[in-house]
Protein backbone atom coordinates (compact mmCIF):
# COMPACT_ATOMS: atom_id res chain seq x y z
CA UNK A 1 6.59 -16.43 9.05
CA UNK A 2 7.37 -14.42 12.14
CA UNK A 3 4.65 -12.71 14.09
CA UNK A 4 4.39 -9.00 13.50
CA UNK A 5 5.39 -6.67 16.29
CA UNK A 6 4.82 -2.96 15.85
CA UNK A 7 6.73 -0.71 18.22
CA UNK A 8 3.56 0.87 19.48
CA UNK A 9 4.08 3.96 21.55
CA UNK A 10 2.46 4.35 24.95
CA UNK A 11 0.35 7.45 25.23
CA UNK A 12 -1.02 9.15 28.31
CA UNK A 13 -4.68 9.83 27.65
CA UNK A 14 -5.41 11.66 30.84
CA UNK A 15 -3.43 12.91 33.84
CA UNK A 16 -5.28 14.51 36.69
CA UNK A 17 -3.92 15.67 39.98
CA UNK A 18 -5.76 17.48 42.76
CA UNK A 19 -4.11 18.91 45.81
CA UNK A 20 -5.46 19.52 49.25
CA UNK A 21 -3.30 21.01 51.95
CA UNK A 22 -0.22 20.77 49.73
CA UNK A 23 -0.50 16.97 49.42
CA UNK A 24 -1.26 15.09 46.26
CA UNK A 25 -4.60 13.41 46.64
CA UNK A 26 -5.28 11.84 43.27
CA UNK A 27 -3.15 11.10 40.27
CA UNK A 28 -4.72 9.04 37.54
CA UNK A 29 -2.88 7.92 34.45
CA UNK A 30 -4.73 6.02 31.78
CA UNK A 31 -2.36 4.50 29.26
CA UNK A 32 -3.17 2.84 25.99
CA UNK A 33 -1.36 1.33 23.04
CA UNK A 34 -1.19 3.81 20.20
CA UNK A 35 -1.23 2.30 16.72
CA UNK A 36 0.83 3.59 13.82
CA UNK A 37 -0.55 6.81 12.41
CA UNK A 38 -2.04 6.39 8.92
CA UNK A 39 -2.70 9.14 6.43
CA UNK A 40 -6.35 9.78 5.64
CA UNK A 41 -7.78 10.35 2.20
CA UNK A 42 -7.56 13.99 1.14
CA UNK A 43 -11.01 14.92 -0.27
CA UNK A 44 -9.50 17.89 -2.11
CA UNK A 45 -7.41 15.51 -4.21
CA UNK A 46 -10.06 12.82 -4.61
CA UNK A 47 -12.73 15.24 -5.85
CA UNK A 48 -10.44 16.97 -8.33
CA UNK A 49 -10.85 15.33 -11.74
CA UNK A 50 -7.50 16.72 -12.84
CA UNK A 51 -5.77 14.27 -10.51
CA UNK A 52 -7.50 11.32 -12.16
CA UNK A 53 -6.67 12.59 -15.63
CA UNK A 54 -3.02 13.09 -14.66
CA UNK A 55 -2.84 9.53 -13.30
CA UNK A 56 -4.35 8.18 -16.51
CA UNK A 57 -1.87 10.20 -18.54
CA UNK A 58 1.29 8.92 -16.83
CA UNK A 59 0.38 5.39 -15.73
CA UNK A 60 1.92 3.63 -18.73
CA UNK A 61 5.33 5.12 -17.96
CA UNK A 62 5.63 2.71 -15.05
CA UNK A 63 4.79 -0.52 -16.89
CA UNK A 64 7.53 -3.11 -17.58
CA UNK A 65 9.16 -2.52 -20.93
CA UNK A 66 8.56 -6.07 -22.13
CA UNK A 67 7.13 -9.47 -21.28
CA UNK A 68 10.50 -10.48 -19.92
CA UNK A 69 9.87 -14.22 -19.55
CA UNK A 70 9.64 -14.75 -23.31
CA UNK A 71 12.57 -12.64 -24.47
CA UNK A 72 14.83 -11.64 -21.59
CA UNK A 73 14.92 -13.78 -18.46
CA UNK A 74 16.51 -17.20 -19.01
CA UNK A 75 16.88 -18.49 -15.45
CA UNK A 76 13.57 -17.30 -13.94
CA UNK A 77 10.20 -18.87 -14.75
CA UNK A 78 6.66 -17.51 -14.15
CA UNK A 79 6.01 -19.95 -11.29
CA UNK A 80 9.11 -18.60 -9.50
CA UNK A 81 7.74 -15.09 -9.72
CA UNK A 82 4.43 -16.33 -8.30
CA UNK A 83 6.22 -18.00 -5.38
CA UNK A 84 8.25 -14.94 -4.43
CA UNK A 85 5.18 -12.72 -4.90
CA UNK A 86 3.16 -14.92 -2.52
CA UNK A 87 5.98 -14.72 0.02
CA UNK A 88 6.14 -10.93 -0.32
CA UNK A 89 2.37 -10.67 0.16
CA UNK A 90 2.56 -12.78 3.33
CA UNK A 91 5.33 -10.57 4.72
CA UNK A 92 3.36 -7.40 3.99
CA UNK A 93 0.24 -8.88 5.60
CA UNK A 94 2.06 -10.03 8.75
CA UNK A 95 3.76 -6.67 9.10
CA UNK A 96 0.41 -4.91 8.53
CA UNK A 97 1.87 -2.75 5.80
CA UNK A 98 -0.15 -0.16 3.94
CA UNK A 99 -2.18 -1.65 1.10
CA UNK A 100 -0.04 0.22 -1.44
CA UNK A 101 3.25 -1.37 -0.37
CA UNK A 102 2.85 -4.79 -1.98
CA UNK A 103 1.59 -3.64 -5.44
CA UNK A 104 4.31 -0.99 -5.53
CA UNK A 105 6.98 -3.54 -4.60
CA UNK A 106 5.78 -5.85 -7.39
CA UNK A 107 5.94 -2.93 -9.82
CA UNK A 108 9.60 -2.43 -8.89
CA UNK A 109 10.29 -6.16 -9.26
CA UNK A 110 8.70 -6.40 -12.72
CA UNK A 111 10.42 -3.26 -14.00
CA UNK A 112 13.79 -4.50 -12.76
CA UNK A 113 13.37 -7.96 -14.28
CA UNK A 114 12.45 -6.31 -17.58
CA UNK A 115 15.89 -4.70 -17.86
CA UNK A 116 18.31 -6.86 -15.83
CA UNK A 117 18.95 -10.60 -16.39
CA UNK A 118 18.67 -12.11 -12.90
CA UNK A 119 19.62 -15.48 -11.49
CA UNK A 120 16.89 -17.38 -9.69
CA UNK A 121 19.03 -17.59 -6.54
CA UNK A 122 18.76 -13.79 -6.24
CA UNK A 123 14.99 -13.56 -6.79
CA UNK A 124 14.04 -13.57 -3.10
CA UNK A 125 16.73 -10.99 -2.39
CA UNK A 126 15.26 -8.81 -5.14
CA UNK A 127 11.79 -9.22 -3.65
CA UNK A 128 13.06 -8.19 -0.22
CA UNK A 129 14.77 -5.12 -1.69
CA UNK A 130 11.58 -4.10 -3.52
CA UNK A 131 9.55 -4.35 -0.29
CA UNK A 132 12.27 -2.39 1.49
CA UNK A 133 12.02 0.45 -1.03
CA UNK A 134 8.21 0.43 -1.29
CA UNK A 135 7.81 0.59 2.49
CA UNK A 136 10.12 3.60 2.61
CA UNK A 137 7.85 5.40 0.18
CA UNK A 138 4.47 4.40 1.65
CA UNK A 139 4.96 3.47 5.31
CA UNK A 140 5.10 5.67 8.39
CA UNK A 141 7.55 3.17 9.84
CA UNK A 142 9.36 1.39 6.98
CA UNK A 143 10.40 -2.23 7.16
CA UNK A 144 13.96 -2.64 8.40
CA UNK A 145 16.68 -4.53 6.58
CA UNK A 146 17.21 -6.78 9.61
CA UNK A 147 13.53 -7.73 9.80
CA UNK A 148 13.36 -8.56 6.10
CA UNK A 149 16.45 -10.76 6.43
CA UNK A 150 14.73 -12.68 9.21
CA UNK A 151 11.81 -13.38 6.85
CA UNK A 152 14.28 -15.02 4.47
CA UNK A 153 15.46 -17.33 7.29
CA UNK A 154 18.65 -15.26 7.27
CA UNK A 155 19.57 -16.56 3.83
CA UNK A 156 20.57 -12.99 2.98
CA UNK A 157 22.50 -10.45 5.01
CA UNK A 158 21.48 -6.84 5.70
CA UNK A 159 24.52 -5.61 3.77
CA UNK A 160 23.47 -7.66 0.73
CA UNK A 161 20.06 -6.00 0.86
CA UNK A 162 21.58 -2.51 1.13
CA UNK A 163 23.97 -3.17 -1.76
CA UNK A 164 21.14 -4.41 -3.97
CA UNK A 165 19.05 -1.42 -2.96
CA UNK A 166 21.48 0.86 -4.80
CA UNK A 167 21.46 -1.46 -7.81
CA UNK A 168 17.66 -1.45 -8.04
CA UNK A 169 17.46 2.31 -7.61
CA UNK A 170 20.01 2.80 -10.37
CA UNK A 171 18.29 0.45 -12.82
CA UNK A 172 14.91 2.08 -12.17
CA UNK A 173 16.59 5.49 -12.56
CA UNK A 174 15.33 6.53 -9.12
CA UNK A 175 11.84 6.80 -10.59
CA UNK A 176 10.08 5.23 -7.61
CA UNK A 177 6.77 7.11 -7.36
CA UNK A 178 5.05 4.62 -9.66
CA UNK A 179 1.33 4.72 -10.35
CA UNK A 180 -0.38 1.60 -8.97
CA UNK A 181 -4.01 0.38 -9.12
CA UNK A 182 -4.53 1.54 -5.54
CA UNK A 183 -4.12 5.15 -6.67
CA UNK A 184 -7.36 4.88 -8.68
CA UNK A 185 -9.66 3.23 -6.13
CA UNK A 186 -10.92 6.37 -4.37
CA UNK A 187 -11.40 8.21 -7.66
CA UNK A 188 -13.47 5.34 -9.06
CA UNK A 189 -15.60 4.64 -5.99
CA UNK A 190 -16.58 8.25 -5.44
CA UNK A 191 -18.04 8.36 -8.99
CA UNK A 192 -20.24 5.31 -8.33
CA UNK A 193 -23.60 5.26 -6.52
CA UNK A 194 -22.26 2.95 -3.81
CA UNK A 195 -24.10 3.20 -0.46
CA UNK A 196 -21.97 5.08 2.06
CA UNK A 197 -22.10 2.23 4.55
CA UNK A 198 -20.66 -0.11 1.91
CA UNK A 199 -17.79 2.06 0.64
CA UNK A 200 -15.22 0.71 3.10
CA UNK A 201 -16.20 -2.87 2.27
CA UNK A 202 -15.94 -2.29 -1.48
CA UNK A 203 -12.56 -0.61 -0.99
CA UNK A 204 -11.24 -3.50 1.08
CA UNK A 205 -12.40 -6.13 -1.42
CA UNK A 206 -10.95 -4.15 -4.33
CA UNK A 207 -7.60 -3.89 -2.54
CA UNK A 208 -7.62 -7.64 -2.00
CA UNK A 209 -8.27 -8.26 -5.71
CA UNK A 210 -5.47 -5.87 -6.65
CA UNK A 211 -3.04 -7.74 -4.39
CA UNK A 212 -4.07 -11.06 -5.99
CA UNK A 213 -3.55 -9.56 -9.45
CA UNK A 214 -0.05 -8.48 -8.47
CA UNK A 215 0.89 -12.10 -7.80
CA UNK A 216 -0.02 -13.07 -11.38
CA UNK A 217 2.29 -12.05 -14.21
CA UNK A 218 -0.55 -11.83 -16.76
CA UNK A 219 -1.65 -8.58 -15.09
CA UNK A 220 1.83 -7.03 -15.04
CA UNK A 221 1.49 -5.50 -18.51
CA UNK A 222 -2.03 -4.16 -17.97
CA UNK A 223 -2.52 -0.46 -17.08
CA UNK A 224 -3.09 0.08 -13.35
CA UNK A 225 -6.36 1.91 -14.05
CA UNK A 226 -7.76 -1.17 -15.79
CA UNK A 227 -6.82 -3.46 -12.90
CA UNK A 228 -8.34 -1.01 -10.41
CA UNK A 229 -11.53 -0.66 -12.45
CA UNK A 230 -11.89 -4.42 -12.87
CA UNK A 231 -11.24 -4.97 -9.16
CA UNK A 232 -13.87 -2.47 -8.10
CA UNK A 233 -16.34 -4.03 -10.52
CA UNK A 234 -15.58 -7.54 -9.24
CA UNK A 235 -15.95 -6.32 -5.65
CA UNK A 236 -19.36 -4.76 -6.29
CA UNK A 237 -20.61 -7.83 -8.15
CA UNK A 238 -19.28 -10.16 -5.45
CA UNK A 239 -20.95 -8.14 -2.70
CA UNK A 240 -24.23 -8.07 -4.69
CA UNK A 241 -24.75 -4.36 -4.29
CA UNK A 242 -26.88 -4.18 -7.42
CA UNK A 243 -30.21 -4.75 -5.66
CA UNK A 244 -31.08 -1.12 -5.10
CA UNK A 245 -29.50 0.59 -8.11
CA UNK A 246 -29.68 -0.59 -11.72
CA UNK A 247 -26.50 1.31 -12.58
CA UNK A 248 -24.59 -1.21 -10.43
CA UNK A 249 -25.91 -4.16 -12.44
CA UNK A 250 -23.93 -6.18 -14.97
CA UNK A 251 -23.34 -4.34 -18.24
CA UNK A 252 -24.53 -1.02 -16.80
CA UNK A 253 -21.80 -1.15 -14.18
CA UNK A 254 -19.15 -2.16 -16.71
CA UNK A 255 -20.07 0.70 -19.03
CA UNK A 256 -20.02 3.19 -16.16
CA UNK A 257 -16.61 1.97 -14.98
CA UNK A 258 -15.22 2.05 -18.52
CA UNK A 259 -16.40 5.63 -18.91
CA UNK A 260 -14.73 6.71 -15.66
CA UNK A 261 -11.27 5.51 -16.70
CA UNK A 262 -11.62 5.78 -20.50
CA UNK A 263 -11.29 2.02 -20.89
CA UNK A 264 -12.68 -0.13 -23.68
CA UNK A 265 -15.75 -2.01 -22.42
CA UNK A 266 -14.80 -5.39 -23.92
CA UNK A 267 -11.25 -5.22 -22.58
CA UNK A 268 -12.57 -4.27 -19.15
CA UNK A 269 -14.97 -7.23 -19.19
CA UNK A 270 -12.10 -9.55 -20.03
CA UNK A 271 -9.96 -8.10 -17.24
CA UNK A 272 -12.75 -8.46 -14.69
CA UNK A 273 -13.34 -12.08 -15.71
CA UNK A 274 -9.62 -12.81 -15.26
CA UNK A 275 -9.70 -11.19 -11.83
CA UNK A 276 -12.62 -13.39 -10.81
CA UNK A 277 -10.74 -16.46 -12.10
CA UNK A 278 -7.72 -15.53 -9.98
CA UNK A 279 -9.99 -15.21 -6.95
CA UNK A 280 -11.50 -18.66 -7.55
CA UNK A 281 -8.04 -20.18 -7.95
CA UNK A 282 -6.87 -18.51 -4.75
CA UNK A 283 -9.88 -19.79 -2.78
CA UNK A 284 -9.36 -23.33 -4.08
CA UNK A 285 -5.68 -23.23 -3.23
CA UNK A 286 -6.46 -21.97 0.27
CA UNK A 287 -9.00 -24.75 0.73
CA UNK A 288 -6.47 -27.38 -0.36
CA UNK A 289 -3.91 -25.98 2.06
CA UNK A 290 -6.40 -26.09 4.93
CA UNK A 291 -7.29 -29.70 4.09
CA UNK A 292 -3.62 -30.66 4.01
CA UNK A 293 -3.05 -28.97 7.36
CA UNK A 294 -6.04 -30.79 8.87
CA UNK A 295 -4.79 -34.12 7.52
CA UNK A 296 -1.31 -33.45 8.90
CA UNK A 297 -2.71 -32.59 12.33
CA UNK A 298 -4.95 -35.68 12.30
CA UNK A 299 -1.99 -37.89 11.30
CA UNK A 300 0.20 -36.41 14.04
CA UNK A 301 -2.57 -36.88 16.60
CA UNK A 302 -3.06 -40.52 15.55
CA UNK A 303 0.66 -41.22 15.95
CA UNK A 304 0.65 -39.57 19.37
CA UNK A 305 -2.35 -41.61 20.52
CA UNK A 306 -0.71 -44.80 19.26
CA UNK A 307 2.45 -44.03 21.18
CA UNK A 308 0.46 -43.36 24.35
CA UNK A 309 -1.57 -46.56 24.03
CA UNK A 310 1.63 -48.62 23.72
CA UNK A 311 2.94 -47.29 27.03
CA UNK A 312 2.11 -49.63 29.99
CA UNK A 313 -0.03 -47.68 32.42
CA UNK A 314 -0.68 -50.41 34.98
CA UNK A 315 2.90 -50.75 36.20
CA UNK A 316 2.95 -49.69 39.85
CA UNK A 317 6.15 -51.08 41.36
CA UNK A 318 9.33 -52.26 39.76
CA UNK A 319 11.59 -54.50 41.86
CA UNK A 320 15.14 -55.00 40.68
């Protein structure tokens, strides 16, 4: 994957000029790299329960219409979706996209595959188009078609991406403001007795769990509120924040979370267990990859040392 490069703007923090006798004595310019502006959480929206109820009321409109692998898609298999989802997640991470971009892109991909038979050779193109659209909706500076084509090793052309963009928009009926699990995080956390100094950490862990869930098809048919609730619960349990407050312990936490989002307790427990299983699988896979990389580096180093040792180093003069 290519290294991310944001077009950071240069900002003048301070300019000071003093004059004495008509001549400039001092001019000081302090410049710094300015990062992309991000929107902050609006407390008016987060603390209004009507927003949460509206999200709960419309979230199922944006679920895939069917489990498309069993009855619709003939050329695409679940492992192919996992591969393209992992690639999309890596692109979003390297480009430092907003946390909402990847889950939203996967929502587009699942909804499209639920209504359009797609060949496996077009799956990466579809993933790139979905990231393209999601970044337009959520990013201050959306991903460009040219940059996304580079991430495919130029296996697709910018014009292909733009053509498919219109196809995806048409099949999704231009209904792009989908509800994702990320939309529920702030509403859930603010109703929990989480220490203020731990809120950011819980949020970050929950967002990570949501991204992992988006790579697995078994979560595609679950309501976003359930995935968000299970992710927050898994984050709190993983961070062991239940020492000071009994309401953050085990069944008490699950019941509180279920009450917040009107979710069945048993179903929420099952979802949280599945999320934890996905995390364990991800950690094991990452460990295997690191071991393989270490073995590859060690093998390459051994070959290099062998080549060096076979080179005569005591030859001083050669007379022909």
